[in-house]
Amino acid sequence: MKHSRPDGIDPHARSRARRRALQAVYAWQLSNTAINKVIDQFRNEQDMEVADLEYFEDLVRGVEHNLGSLDAALSEFLDRDIAQVDPIERAVLRIAAYELRHRVDVPYRVVINEAIETTKRFGSEHGHTFVNGVLDHAAAAWRAAEAQASRRS
C-alpha cells in the first residue's frame, strides 16, 4: 500500500531510495566503477520497485556530477579531509550535501533526519552524531533563511 502525500511523493519510497543511494555511492567510492554500471547493478540486484527509482538515480548521479563542489562545500564543516571520513559517513554526507544544495524542494530537517537514520543503520556506532553536527552547520549556512524560519516557529 502506497502512502503518498497530496503532492504524489511517497516518503517511505524516498527513504528507501536514500538507503539504496547510500549503498550505491558507497560501492562507487570503493570500486571506482562507472556510475552507470553501479546504477544498473542496483536496478538488477535490489528490490527497486519499493524505492523511488527516479529519486535514487537523481541522488547517485547528483553526487557523481557535483562531487568536487560537494566535497569543497563540506570541507568547511569537517575536522579532517573528506578522504579521511569513514566511507559510509562520507557517502551519507555527500548525498545529504547534494540534497541540501540542489534539492531545495526537500526540507532541510528531512534531509538531516534521513541522513542520521541512514547512518544509524549502516554506519559506525557514533557516526550519526558526527553526521548530525556537520549537517546542522551546513544547513545553517546553505539554507539560512529556512533554518532561521524553522527556529522561529
N, C-alpha and C. Protein backbone atom coordinates (compact mmCIF):
# COMPACT_ATOMS: atom_id res chain seq x y z
N MET A 1 0.84 -1.18 0.00
CA MET A 1 0.00 0.00 0.00
C MET A 1 0.88 1.24 0.00
N LYS A 2 0.63 2.13 -0.92
CA LYS A 2 1.41 3.37 -1.03
C LYS A 2 0.87 4.40 -0.07
N HIS A 3 1.78 5.16 0.50
CA HIS A 3 1.42 6.23 1.43
C HIS A 3 1.85 7.57 0.85
N SER A 4 1.33 7.89 -0.31
CA SER A 4 1.71 9.13 -0.97
C SER A 4 1.03 10.33 -0.31
N ARG A 5 1.72 11.44 -0.37
CA ARG A 5 1.16 12.70 0.09
C ARG A 5 0.35 13.29 -1.05
N PRO A 6 -0.36 14.39 -0.79
CA PRO A 6 -1.13 15.02 -1.87
C PRO A 6 -0.28 15.42 -3.08
N ASP A 7 1.02 15.68 -2.86
CA ASP A 7 1.89 16.06 -3.97
C ASP A 7 2.43 14.84 -4.73
N GLY A 8 1.98 13.63 -4.34
CA GLY A 8 2.37 12.41 -5.04
C GLY A 8 3.65 11.78 -4.54
N ILE A 9 4.33 12.40 -3.60
CA ILE A 9 5.58 11.86 -3.07
C ILE A 9 5.26 10.82 -2.00
N ASP A 10 5.89 9.67 -2.12
CA ASP A 10 5.77 8.61 -1.13
C ASP A 10 7.00 8.69 -0.22
N PRO A 11 6.86 9.21 1.00
CA PRO A 11 8.02 9.38 1.88
C PRO A 11 8.77 8.07 2.17
N HIS A 12 8.04 6.96 2.25
CA HIS A 12 8.69 5.68 2.51
C HIS A 12 9.54 5.24 1.32
N ALA A 13 9.03 5.46 0.12
CA ALA A 13 9.80 5.14 -1.09
C ALA A 13 11.03 6.04 -1.20
N ARG A 14 10.90 7.29 -0.78
CA ARG A 14 12.04 8.22 -0.78
C ARG A 14 13.11 7.75 0.22
N SER A 15 12.67 7.32 1.40
CA SER A 15 13.62 6.81 2.39
C SER A 15 14.37 5.60 1.86
N ARG A 16 13.63 4.70 1.23
CA ARG A 16 14.27 3.52 0.65
C ARG A 16 15.22 3.92 -0.47
N ALA A 17 14.85 4.94 -1.25
CA ALA A 17 15.74 5.43 -2.31
C ALA A 17 17.03 5.97 -1.71
N ARG A 18 16.94 6.68 -0.60
CA ARG A 18 18.15 7.21 0.05
C ARG A 18 19.04 6.08 0.56
N ARG A 19 18.43 5.05 1.13
CA ARG A 19 19.23 3.90 1.62
C ARG A 19 19.93 3.22 0.45
N ARG A 20 19.22 3.02 -0.65
CA ARG A 20 19.82 2.39 -1.83
C ARG A 20 20.90 3.30 -2.41
N ALA A 21 20.64 4.61 -2.41
CA ALA A 21 21.64 5.56 -2.92
C ALA A 21 22.90 5.50 -2.06
N LEU A 22 22.74 5.38 -0.76
CA LEU A 22 23.90 5.26 0.12
C LEU A 22 24.71 4.03 -0.28
N GLN A 23 24.05 2.92 -0.46
CA GLN A 23 24.75 1.69 -0.83
C GLN A 23 25.45 1.84 -2.18
N ALA A 24 24.78 2.50 -3.11
CA ALA A 24 25.36 2.68 -4.45
C ALA A 24 26.56 3.63 -4.41
N VAL A 25 26.42 4.76 -3.71
CA VAL A 25 27.53 5.71 -3.62
C VAL A 25 28.70 5.08 -2.87
N TYR A 26 28.41 4.34 -1.82
CA TYR A 26 29.46 3.63 -1.07
C TYR A 26 30.21 2.67 -2.02
N ALA A 27 29.46 1.87 -2.77
CA ALA A 27 30.09 0.92 -3.70
C ALA A 27 30.91 1.65 -4.75
N TRP A 28 30.38 2.76 -5.26
CA TRP A 28 31.08 3.55 -6.27
C TRP A 28 32.37 4.14 -5.71
N GLN A 29 32.32 4.66 -4.48
CA GLN A 29 33.51 5.24 -3.84
C GLN A 29 34.62 4.20 -3.70
N LEU A 30 34.25 2.97 -3.33
CA LEU A 30 35.25 1.95 -3.06
C LEU A 30 35.76 1.27 -4.33
N SER A 31 34.89 1.15 -5.33
CA SER A 31 35.27 0.37 -6.52
C SER A 31 35.74 1.21 -7.69
N ASN A 32 35.41 2.49 -7.69
CA ASN A 32 35.70 3.36 -8.84
C ASN A 32 35.07 2.83 -10.13
N THR A 33 34.00 2.07 -9.98
CA THR A 33 33.23 1.58 -11.12
C THR A 33 32.43 2.74 -11.71
N ALA A 34 32.22 2.72 -13.01
CA ALA A 34 31.42 3.77 -13.65
C ALA A 34 30.04 3.83 -13.00
N ILE A 35 29.55 5.04 -12.79
CA ILE A 35 28.28 5.23 -12.08
C ILE A 35 27.12 4.54 -12.80
N ASN A 36 27.12 4.54 -14.12
CA ASN A 36 26.06 3.86 -14.87
C ASN A 36 26.04 2.37 -14.56
N LYS A 37 27.20 1.77 -14.44
CA LYS A 37 27.29 0.34 -14.11
C LYS A 37 26.77 0.08 -12.70
N VAL A 38 27.13 0.95 -11.76
CA VAL A 38 26.65 0.79 -10.38
C VAL A 38 25.12 0.90 -10.34
N ILE A 39 24.57 1.88 -11.03
CA ILE A 39 23.12 2.05 -11.07
C ILE A 39 22.46 0.83 -11.69
N ASP A 40 23.02 0.34 -12.80
CA ASP A 40 22.46 -0.86 -13.45
C ASP A 40 22.50 -2.06 -12.51
N GLN A 41 23.60 -2.22 -11.77
CA GLN A 41 23.69 -3.33 -10.81
C GLN A 41 22.59 -3.23 -9.76
N PHE A 42 22.34 -2.03 -9.28
CA PHE A 42 21.30 -1.85 -8.27
C PHE A 42 19.93 -2.11 -8.85
N ARG A 43 19.72 -1.71 -10.09
CA ARG A 43 18.43 -1.98 -10.74
C ARG A 43 18.19 -3.49 -10.83
N ASN A 44 19.24 -4.24 -11.10
CA ASN A 44 19.11 -5.68 -11.30
C ASN A 44 19.13 -6.49 -10.01
N GLU A 45 19.85 -6.00 -9.01
CA GLU A 45 20.05 -6.79 -7.79
C GLU A 45 19.18 -6.37 -6.62
N GLN A 46 18.73 -5.15 -6.59
CA GLN A 46 17.96 -4.65 -5.47
C GLN A 46 16.47 -4.66 -5.79
N ASP A 47 15.68 -4.63 -4.76
CA ASP A 47 14.23 -4.57 -4.91
C ASP A 47 13.84 -3.11 -5.09
N MET A 48 14.14 -2.58 -6.28
CA MET A 48 13.98 -1.16 -6.53
C MET A 48 12.52 -0.74 -6.70
N GLU A 49 11.62 -1.68 -6.93
CA GLU A 49 10.23 -1.26 -7.12
C GLU A 49 9.61 -0.71 -5.83
N VAL A 50 10.22 -0.96 -4.69
CA VAL A 50 9.71 -0.40 -3.45
C VAL A 50 10.38 0.94 -3.11
N ALA A 51 11.32 1.34 -3.95
CA ALA A 51 12.01 2.62 -3.76
C ALA A 51 11.62 3.57 -4.89
N ASP A 52 11.82 4.84 -4.67
CA ASP A 52 11.59 5.86 -5.68
C ASP A 52 12.82 5.86 -6.60
N LEU A 53 12.72 5.12 -7.70
CA LEU A 53 13.86 4.93 -8.59
C LEU A 53 14.37 6.25 -9.18
N GLU A 54 13.47 7.12 -9.54
CA GLU A 54 13.87 8.42 -10.10
C GLU A 54 14.68 9.21 -9.07
N TYR A 55 14.24 9.19 -7.82
CA TYR A 55 14.95 9.93 -6.78
C TYR A 55 16.30 9.27 -6.50
N PHE A 56 16.34 7.95 -6.45
CA PHE A 56 17.58 7.19 -6.28
C PHE A 56 18.61 7.63 -7.32
N GLU A 57 18.19 7.62 -8.58
CA GLU A 57 19.11 7.99 -9.66
C GLU A 57 19.54 9.44 -9.56
N ASP A 58 18.63 10.32 -9.19
CA ASP A 58 18.98 11.73 -9.04
C ASP A 58 20.05 11.90 -7.97
N LEU A 59 19.90 11.22 -6.85
CA LEU A 59 20.88 11.33 -5.77
C LEU A 59 22.24 10.80 -6.20
N VAL A 60 22.26 9.62 -6.78
CA VAL A 60 23.53 8.99 -7.15
C VAL A 60 24.23 9.79 -8.25
N ARG A 61 23.48 10.15 -9.29
CA ARG A 61 24.09 10.94 -10.37
C ARG A 61 24.46 12.34 -9.89
N GLY A 62 23.63 12.90 -9.01
CA GLY A 62 23.92 14.22 -8.47
C GLY A 62 25.22 14.26 -7.68
N VAL A 63 25.46 13.22 -6.89
CA VAL A 63 26.72 13.14 -6.14
C VAL A 63 27.88 13.02 -7.12
N GLU A 64 27.75 12.15 -8.11
CA GLU A 64 28.84 11.97 -9.06
C GLU A 64 29.14 13.27 -9.82
N HIS A 65 28.11 13.91 -10.35
CA HIS A 65 28.30 15.11 -11.18
C HIS A 65 28.80 16.31 -10.38
N ASN A 66 28.49 16.36 -9.10
CA ASN A 66 28.84 17.52 -8.28
C ASN A 66 29.89 17.21 -7.21
N LEU A 67 30.58 16.10 -7.36
CA LEU A 67 31.48 15.61 -6.32
C LEU A 67 32.48 16.67 -5.83
N GLY A 68 33.16 17.32 -6.75
CA GLY A 68 34.17 18.31 -6.35
C GLY A 68 33.58 19.46 -5.56
N SER A 69 32.46 20.00 -6.03
CA SER A 69 31.86 21.13 -5.32
C SER A 69 31.23 20.69 -4.00
N LEU A 70 30.69 19.48 -3.94
CA LEU A 70 30.12 18.98 -2.68
C LEU A 70 31.22 18.80 -1.64
N ASP A 71 32.31 18.15 -2.05
CA ASP A 71 33.42 17.93 -1.11
C ASP A 71 34.01 19.26 -0.65
N ALA A 72 34.15 20.21 -1.56
CA ALA A 72 34.70 21.52 -1.19
C ALA A 72 33.77 22.23 -0.21
N ALA A 73 32.47 22.16 -0.46
CA ALA A 73 31.50 22.81 0.42
C ALA A 73 31.49 22.14 1.80
N LEU A 74 31.57 20.82 1.82
CA LEU A 74 31.57 20.09 3.10
C LEU A 74 32.84 20.36 3.91
N SER A 75 33.95 20.60 3.22
CA SER A 75 35.23 20.75 3.92
C SER A 75 35.21 21.85 4.97
N GLU A 76 34.37 22.85 4.76
CA GLU A 76 34.25 23.95 5.72
C GLU A 76 33.75 23.47 7.09
N PHE A 77 33.02 22.36 7.09
CA PHE A 77 32.39 21.88 8.32
C PHE A 77 33.03 20.60 8.87
N LEU A 78 34.10 20.15 8.23
CA LEU A 78 34.77 18.92 8.65
C LEU A 78 36.02 19.23 9.45
N ASP A 79 36.35 18.33 10.36
CA ASP A 79 37.55 18.48 11.16
C ASP A 79 38.73 17.69 10.58
N ARG A 80 38.53 17.15 9.38
CA ARG A 80 39.56 16.37 8.68
C ARG A 80 39.26 16.42 7.19
N ASP A 81 40.17 15.94 6.40
CA ASP A 81 39.95 15.86 4.96
C ASP A 81 38.83 14.87 4.67
N ILE A 82 38.03 15.12 3.65
CA ILE A 82 36.90 14.25 3.31
C ILE A 82 37.35 12.81 3.07
N ALA A 83 38.56 12.63 2.54
CA ALA A 83 39.07 11.28 2.27
C ALA A 83 39.30 10.50 3.56
N GLN A 84 39.44 11.19 4.68
CA GLN A 84 39.68 10.54 5.96
C GLN A 84 38.39 10.21 6.71
N VAL A 85 37.26 10.65 6.19
CA VAL A 85 35.97 10.36 6.80
C VAL A 85 35.60 8.92 6.46
N ASP A 86 35.04 8.20 7.42
CA ASP A 86 34.58 6.84 7.21
C ASP A 86 33.79 6.76 5.91
N PRO A 87 33.99 5.73 5.09
CA PRO A 87 33.32 5.66 3.78
C PRO A 87 31.79 5.73 3.83
N ILE A 88 31.17 5.14 4.84
CA ILE A 88 29.71 5.22 4.96
C ILE A 88 29.31 6.66 5.28
N GLU A 89 29.95 7.24 6.26
CA GLU A 89 29.64 8.61 6.64
C GLU A 89 29.94 9.58 5.50
N ARG A 90 31.01 9.32 4.75
CA ARG A 90 31.35 10.16 3.59
C ARG A 90 30.23 10.09 2.56
N ALA A 91 29.73 8.90 2.28
CA ALA A 91 28.64 8.74 1.30
C ALA A 91 27.37 9.44 1.80
N VAL A 92 27.05 9.28 3.08
CA VAL A 92 25.87 9.94 3.65
C VAL A 92 26.02 11.45 3.54
N LEU A 93 27.17 11.98 3.90
CA LEU A 93 27.39 13.43 3.85
C LEU A 93 27.30 13.96 2.42
N ARG A 94 27.84 13.22 1.48
CA ARG A 94 27.78 13.66 0.08
C ARG A 94 26.33 13.68 -0.42
N ILE A 95 25.57 12.66 -0.10
CA ILE A 95 24.16 12.60 -0.53
C ILE A 95 23.38 13.74 0.12
N ALA A 96 23.56 13.91 1.43
CA ALA A 96 22.83 14.98 2.13
C ALA A 96 23.26 16.35 1.63
N ALA A 97 24.54 16.53 1.36
CA ALA A 97 25.01 17.81 0.82
C ALA A 97 24.38 18.07 -0.54
N TYR A 98 24.27 17.04 -1.36
CA TYR A 98 23.60 17.21 -2.65
C TYR A 98 22.16 17.64 -2.44
N GLU A 99 21.46 16.97 -1.52
CA GLU A 99 20.06 17.34 -1.27
C GLU A 99 19.95 18.77 -0.74
N LEU A 100 20.81 19.13 0.21
CA LEU A 100 20.73 20.47 0.79
C LEU A 100 21.02 21.55 -0.25
N ARG A 101 21.93 21.28 -1.16
CA ARG A 101 22.35 22.30 -2.12
C ARG A 101 21.54 22.29 -3.42
N HIS A 102 21.03 21.13 -3.81
CA HIS A 102 20.40 21.02 -5.12
C HIS A 102 18.94 20.56 -5.10
N ARG A 103 18.46 20.11 -3.96
CA ARG A 103 17.07 19.66 -3.86
C ARG A 103 16.36 20.50 -2.80
N VAL A 104 16.23 21.78 -3.09
CA VAL A 104 15.63 22.70 -2.12
C VAL A 104 14.14 22.42 -1.92
N ASP A 105 13.58 21.53 -2.75
CA ASP A 105 12.20 21.11 -2.56
C ASP A 105 12.05 20.19 -1.35
N VAL A 106 13.16 19.67 -0.85
CA VAL A 106 13.15 18.79 0.32
C VAL A 106 13.55 19.62 1.53
N PRO A 107 12.70 19.69 2.55
CA PRO A 107 13.05 20.48 3.74
C PRO A 107 14.37 20.01 4.37
N TYR A 108 15.15 20.97 4.84
CA TYR A 108 16.45 20.62 5.39
C TYR A 108 16.35 19.65 6.57
N ARG A 109 15.29 19.78 7.36
CA ARG A 109 15.13 18.87 8.51
C ARG A 109 14.92 17.43 8.05
N VAL A 110 14.24 17.25 6.94
CA VAL A 110 14.05 15.91 6.37
C VAL A 110 15.40 15.36 5.92
N VAL A 111 16.18 16.17 5.25
CA VAL A 111 17.50 15.75 4.78
C VAL A 111 18.36 15.30 5.95
N ILE A 112 18.41 16.12 6.99
CA ILE A 112 19.25 15.79 8.15
C ILE A 112 18.73 14.54 8.87
N ASN A 113 17.44 14.46 9.10
CA ASN A 113 16.88 13.30 9.78
C ASN A 113 17.14 12.02 9.00
N GLU A 114 16.93 12.06 7.70
CA GLU A 114 17.17 10.87 6.88
C GLU A 114 18.64 10.47 6.92
N ALA A 115 19.54 11.45 6.88
CA ALA A 115 20.97 11.17 6.94
C ALA A 115 21.34 10.52 8.27
N ILE A 116 20.79 11.04 9.35
CA ILE A 116 21.06 10.48 10.68
C ILE A 116 20.56 9.04 10.77
N GLU A 117 19.32 8.82 10.34
CA GLU A 117 18.74 7.47 10.42
C GLU A 117 19.50 6.48 9.54
N THR A 118 19.91 6.92 8.37
CA THR A 118 20.67 6.04 7.48
C THR A 118 22.03 5.72 8.09
N THR A 119 22.65 6.70 8.71
CA THR A 119 23.95 6.46 9.34
C THR A 119 23.79 5.53 10.54
N LYS A 120 22.73 5.69 11.31
CA LYS A 120 22.49 4.78 12.43
C LYS A 120 22.37 3.35 11.94
N ARG A 121 21.74 3.18 10.79
CA ARG A 121 21.50 1.83 10.26
C ARG A 121 22.76 1.21 9.67
N PHE A 122 23.57 2.00 8.96
CA PHE A 122 24.69 1.44 8.22
C PHE A 122 26.07 1.87 8.74
N GLY A 123 26.13 2.93 9.50
CA GLY A 123 27.42 3.49 9.90
C GLY A 123 27.96 2.96 11.20
N SER A 124 29.03 3.60 11.65
CA SER A 124 29.65 3.21 12.91
C SER A 124 28.76 3.63 14.08
N GLU A 125 29.10 3.15 15.25
CA GLU A 125 28.24 3.33 16.43
C GLU A 125 27.88 4.79 16.70
N HIS A 126 28.84 5.67 16.60
CA HIS A 126 28.58 7.09 16.89
C HIS A 126 28.67 7.96 15.64
N GLY A 127 28.67 7.33 14.49
CA GLY A 127 28.79 8.08 13.24
C GLY A 127 27.67 9.07 13.03
N HIS A 128 26.48 8.73 13.53
CA HIS A 128 25.34 9.63 13.33
C HIS A 128 25.53 10.97 14.04
N THR A 129 26.25 11.00 15.16
CA THR A 129 26.47 12.28 15.85
C THR A 129 27.40 13.17 15.03
N PHE A 130 28.40 12.56 14.41
CA PHE A 130 29.30 13.31 13.53
C PHE A 130 28.53 13.88 12.34
N VAL A 131 27.74 13.03 11.68
CA VAL A 131 26.94 13.44 10.53
C VAL A 131 25.97 14.56 10.93
N ASN A 132 25.33 14.41 12.07
CA ASN A 132 24.39 15.43 12.55
C ASN A 132 25.08 16.78 12.74
N GLY A 133 26.24 16.76 13.38
CA GLY A 133 26.96 18.01 13.62
C GLY A 133 27.36 18.70 12.33
N VAL A 134 27.90 17.94 11.39
CA VAL A 134 28.32 18.51 10.11
C VAL A 134 27.12 19.09 9.38
N LEU A 135 26.04 18.32 9.30
CA LEU A 135 24.87 18.76 8.52
C LEU A 135 24.12 19.90 9.19
N ASP A 136 24.10 19.95 10.52
CA ASP A 136 23.49 21.10 11.21
C ASP A 136 24.19 22.39 10.81
N HIS A 137 25.51 22.37 10.81
CA HIS A 137 26.27 23.56 10.43
C HIS A 137 26.09 23.87 8.94
N ALA A 138 26.10 22.84 8.11
CA ALA A 138 25.92 23.04 6.67
C ALA A 138 24.55 23.64 6.37
N ALA A 139 23.52 23.10 6.99
CA ALA A 139 22.16 23.60 6.74
C ALA A 139 22.03 25.05 7.19
N ALA A 140 22.64 25.38 8.32
CA ALA A 140 22.58 26.77 8.81
C ALA A 140 23.23 27.73 7.82
N ALA A 141 24.27 27.26 7.14
CA ALA A 141 24.97 28.11 6.17
C ALA A 141 24.28 28.11 4.81
N TRP A 142 23.91 26.93 4.33
CA TRP A 142 23.39 26.80 2.97
C TRP A 142 21.90 27.10 2.86
N ARG A 143 21.19 26.90 3.94
CA ARG A 143 19.75 27.15 3.94
C ARG A 143 19.39 28.05 5.12
N ALA A 144 20.11 29.13 5.23
CA ALA A 144 19.99 30.02 6.38
C ALA A 144 18.56 30.51 6.60
N ALA A 145 17.90 30.97 5.56
CA ALA A 145 16.54 31.51 5.72
C ALA A 145 15.58 30.43 6.20
N GLU A 146 15.69 29.25 5.63
CA GLU A 146 14.81 28.14 6.03
C GLU A 146 15.10 27.73 7.48
N ALA A 147 16.37 27.65 7.85
CA ALA A 147 16.73 27.26 9.21
C ALA A 147 16.27 28.30 10.23
N GLN A 148 16.44 29.59 9.90
CA GLN A 148 16.02 30.64 10.82
C GLN A 148 14.50 30.66 10.96
N ALA A 149 13.78 30.48 9.88
CA ALA A 149 12.31 30.44 9.94
C ALA A 149 11.84 29.26 10.78
N SER A 150 12.55 28.17 10.67
CA SER A 150 12.19 26.97 11.43
C SER A 150 12.41 27.19 12.93
N ARG A 151 13.47 27.89 13.27
CA ARG A 151 13.77 28.15 14.68
C ARG A 151 12.78 29.12 15.31
N ARG A 152 12.22 30.01 14.49
CA ARG A 152 11.24 30.99 15.00
C ARG A 152 9.87 30.36 15.23
N SER A 153 9.59 29.26 14.54
CA SER A 153 8.26 28.65 14.68
C SER A 153 8.14 27.85 15.95
